[in-house]
Amino acid sequence: MAYFRITLLRSAIGLPRARSGVLQALGLRKRMATVYHPVSPQVAGQIFAVKELVDVQEVAEKMTKEEMKQSRRPDPGYYIEKRAR
């Protein structure tokens, strides 16, 4: 099943209540929050209403919170080949 991965990039402060209501309906409360919704015309219409504020990607399956946290973790920049004694 395909999903929309929706990430809120910009705040809705100063926008009409209708726009902030759409964001609440999508489950986006804070900036950089990510939610997954199944692909449907209703969700696509909601996304279209706030397209300037969100980043949308179509993915095959959902990621858990732990998987998302791991994917955002930066590379440490070094590797330990062998421990010193």
C-alpha atoms as a PDB file:
ATOM      1  CA  MET A   1       0.000   0.000   0.000  1.00  0.00           C
ATOM      2  CA  ALA A   2       1.345   3.448  -0.863  1.00  0.00           C
ATOM      3  CA  TYR A   3       1.532   6.266   1.665  1.00  0.00           C
ATOM      4  CA  PHE A   4       2.073  10.014   1.605  1.00  0.00           C
ATOM      5  CA  ARG A   5       4.964  11.021   3.858  1.00  0.00           C
ATOM      6  CA  ILE A   6       4.077  14.582   4.897  1.00  0.00           C
ATOM      7  CA  THR A   7       6.559  16.809   6.742  1.00  0.00           C
ATOM      8  CA  LEU A   8       5.627  20.271   8.012  1.00  0.00           C
ATOM      9  CA  LEU A   9       8.396  22.668   6.940  1.00  0.00           C
ATOM     10  CA  ARG A  10       6.863  26.078   7.638  1.00  0.00           C
ATOM     11  CA  SER A  11       4.698  27.293  10.471  1.00  0.00           C
ATOM     12  CA  ALA A  12       1.056  28.285   9.996  1.00  0.00           C
ATOM     13  CA  ILE A  13       1.382  31.357  12.229  1.00  0.00           C
ATOM     14  CA  GLY A  14      -0.362  34.305  10.624  1.00  0.00           C
ATOM     15  CA  LEU A  15      -2.307  32.206   8.116  1.00  0.00           C
ATOM     16  CA  PRO A  16      -6.115  31.920   8.034  1.00  0.00           C
ATOM     17  CA  ARG A  17      -7.748  29.469  10.426  1.00  0.00           C
ATOM     18  CA  ALA A  18      -8.750  27.254   7.514  1.00  0.00           C
ATOM     19  CA  ARG A  19      -5.081  26.507   6.746  1.00  0.00           C
ATOM     20  CA  SER A  20      -4.189  25.753  10.362  1.00  0.00           C
ATOM     21  CA  GLY A  21      -7.308  23.566  10.571  1.00  0.00           C
ATOM     22  CA  VAL A  22      -6.125  21.526   7.585  1.00  0.00           C
ATOM     23  CA  LEU A  23      -2.749  21.030   9.263  1.00  0.00           C
ATOM     24  CA  GLN A  24      -4.452  19.863  12.457  1.00  0.00           C
ATOM     25  CA  ALA A  25      -6.621  17.471  10.442  1.00  0.00           C
ATOM     26  CA  LEU A  26      -3.469  16.008   8.887  1.00  0.00           C
ATOM     27  CA  GLY A  27      -1.970  15.579  12.372  1.00  0.00           C
ATOM     28  CA  LEU A  28       0.807  18.146  11.956  1.00  0.00           C
ATOM     29  CA  ARG A  29       1.304  20.174  15.111  1.00  0.00           C
ATOM     30  CA  LYS A  30       4.967  21.269  15.111  1.00  0.00           C
ATOM     31  CA  ARG A  31       7.540  22.135  12.480  1.00  0.00           C
ATOM     32  CA  MET A  32       9.570  19.204  11.135  1.00  0.00           C
ATOM     33  CA  ALA A  33       6.882  16.762  12.315  1.00  0.00           C
ATOM     34  CA  THR A  34       6.278  13.877   9.906  1.00  0.00           C
ATOM     35  CA  VAL A  35       3.079  11.877   9.462  1.00  0.00           C
ATOM     36  CA  TYR A  36       2.008   9.105   7.099  1.00  0.00           C
ATOM     37  CA  HIS A  37      -1.383   8.914   5.408  1.00  0.00           C
ATOM     38  CA  PRO A  38      -2.618   6.387   2.837  1.00  0.00           C
ATOM     39  CA  VAL A  39      -2.815   7.702  -0.702  1.00  0.00           C
ATOM     40  CA  SER A  40      -6.372   8.899  -1.340  1.00  0.00           C
ATOM     41  CA  PRO A  41      -8.064  11.799  -3.125  1.00  0.00           C
ATOM     42  CA  GLN A  42      -9.226  13.283   0.200  1.00  0.00           C
ATOM     43  CA  VAL A  43      -5.717  13.435   1.638  1.00  0.00           C
ATOM     44  CA  ALA A  44      -4.366  14.747  -1.683  1.00  0.00           C
ATOM     45  CA  GLY A  45      -6.875  17.606  -1.500  1.00  0.00           C
ATOM     46  CA  GLN A  46      -5.808  18.469   2.040  1.00  0.00           C
ATOM     47  CA  ILE A  47      -2.159  18.451   0.986  1.00  0.00           C
ATOM     48  CA  PHE A  48      -2.971  20.691  -1.981  1.00  0.00           C
ATOM     49  CA  ALA A  49      -4.533  23.241   0.398  1.00  0.00           C
ATOM     50  CA  VAL A  50      -1.266  23.608   2.357  1.00  0.00           C
ATOM     51  CA  LYS A  51       1.261  22.733  -0.355  1.00  0.00           C
ATOM     52  CA  GLU A  52       3.449  25.771   0.442  1.00  0.00           C
ATOM     53  CA  LEU A  53       3.981  24.622   4.022  1.00  0.00           C
ATOM     54  CA  VAL A  54       4.688  20.908   3.630  1.00  0.00           C
ATOM     55  CA  ASP A  55       7.037  18.495   1.893  1.00  0.00           C
ATOM     56  CA  VAL A  56       5.316  15.429   0.450  1.00  0.00           C
ATOM     57  CA  GLN A  57       6.823  12.166  -0.740  1.00  0.00           C
ATOM     58  CA  GLU A  58       5.064   9.007  -1.836  1.00  0.00           C
ATOM     59  CA  VAL A  59       6.560   5.950  -0.121  1.00  0.00           C
ATOM     60  CA  ALA A  60       5.771   2.247  -0.226  1.00  0.00           C
ATOM     61  CA  GLU A  61       5.548   1.706   3.537  1.00  0.00           C
ATOM     62  CA  LYS A  62       5.539   3.602   6.820  1.00  0.00           C
ATOM     63  CA  MET A  63       8.634   4.094   8.957  1.00  0.00           C
ATOM     64  CA  THR A  64       8.470   3.715  12.725  1.00  0.00           C
ATOM     65  CA  LYS A  65       9.641   6.537  14.975  1.00  0.00           C
ATOM     66  CA  GLU A  66      12.840   4.628  15.747  1.00  0.00           C
ATOM     67  CA  GLU A  67      13.575   4.137  12.034  1.00  0.00           C
ATOM     68  CA  MET A  68      12.993   7.821  11.345  1.00  0.00           C
ATOM     69  CA  LYS A  69      15.270   8.818  14.212  1.00  0.00           C
ATOM     70  CA  GLN A  70      17.994   6.483  12.942  1.00  0.00           C
ATOM     71  CA  SER A  71      17.722   7.833   9.386  1.00  0.00           C
ATOM     72  CA  ARG A  72      18.180  11.418  10.641  1.00  0.00           C
ATOM     73  CA  ARG A  73      21.237  10.597  12.722  1.00  0.00           C
ATOM     74  CA  PRO A  74      24.335  12.025  11.007  1.00  0.00           C
ATOM     75  CA  ASP A  75      27.369   9.979  10.129  1.00  0.00           C
ATOM     76  CA  PRO A  76      29.899  10.230  13.002  1.00  0.00           C
ATOM     77  CA  GLY A  77      32.685  11.070  10.549  1.00  0.00           C
ATOM     78  CA  TYR A  78      35.002   8.314  11.740  1.00  0.00           C
ATOM     79  CA  TYR A  79      35.111   4.542  12.078  1.00  0.00           C
ATOM     80  CA  ILE A  80      36.807   2.388  14.700  1.00  0.00           C
ATOM     81  CA  GLU A  81      38.729  -0.308  12.847  1.00  0.00           C
ATOM     82  CA  LYS A  82      40.287  -1.952  15.858  1.00  0.00           C
ATOM     83  CA  ARG A  83      40.198  -1.187  19.556  1.00  0.00           C
ATOM     84  CA  ALA A  84      43.435  -0.232  21.249  1.00  0.00           C
ATOM     85  CA  ARG A  85      44.522  -2.430  24.121  1.00  0.00           C
END
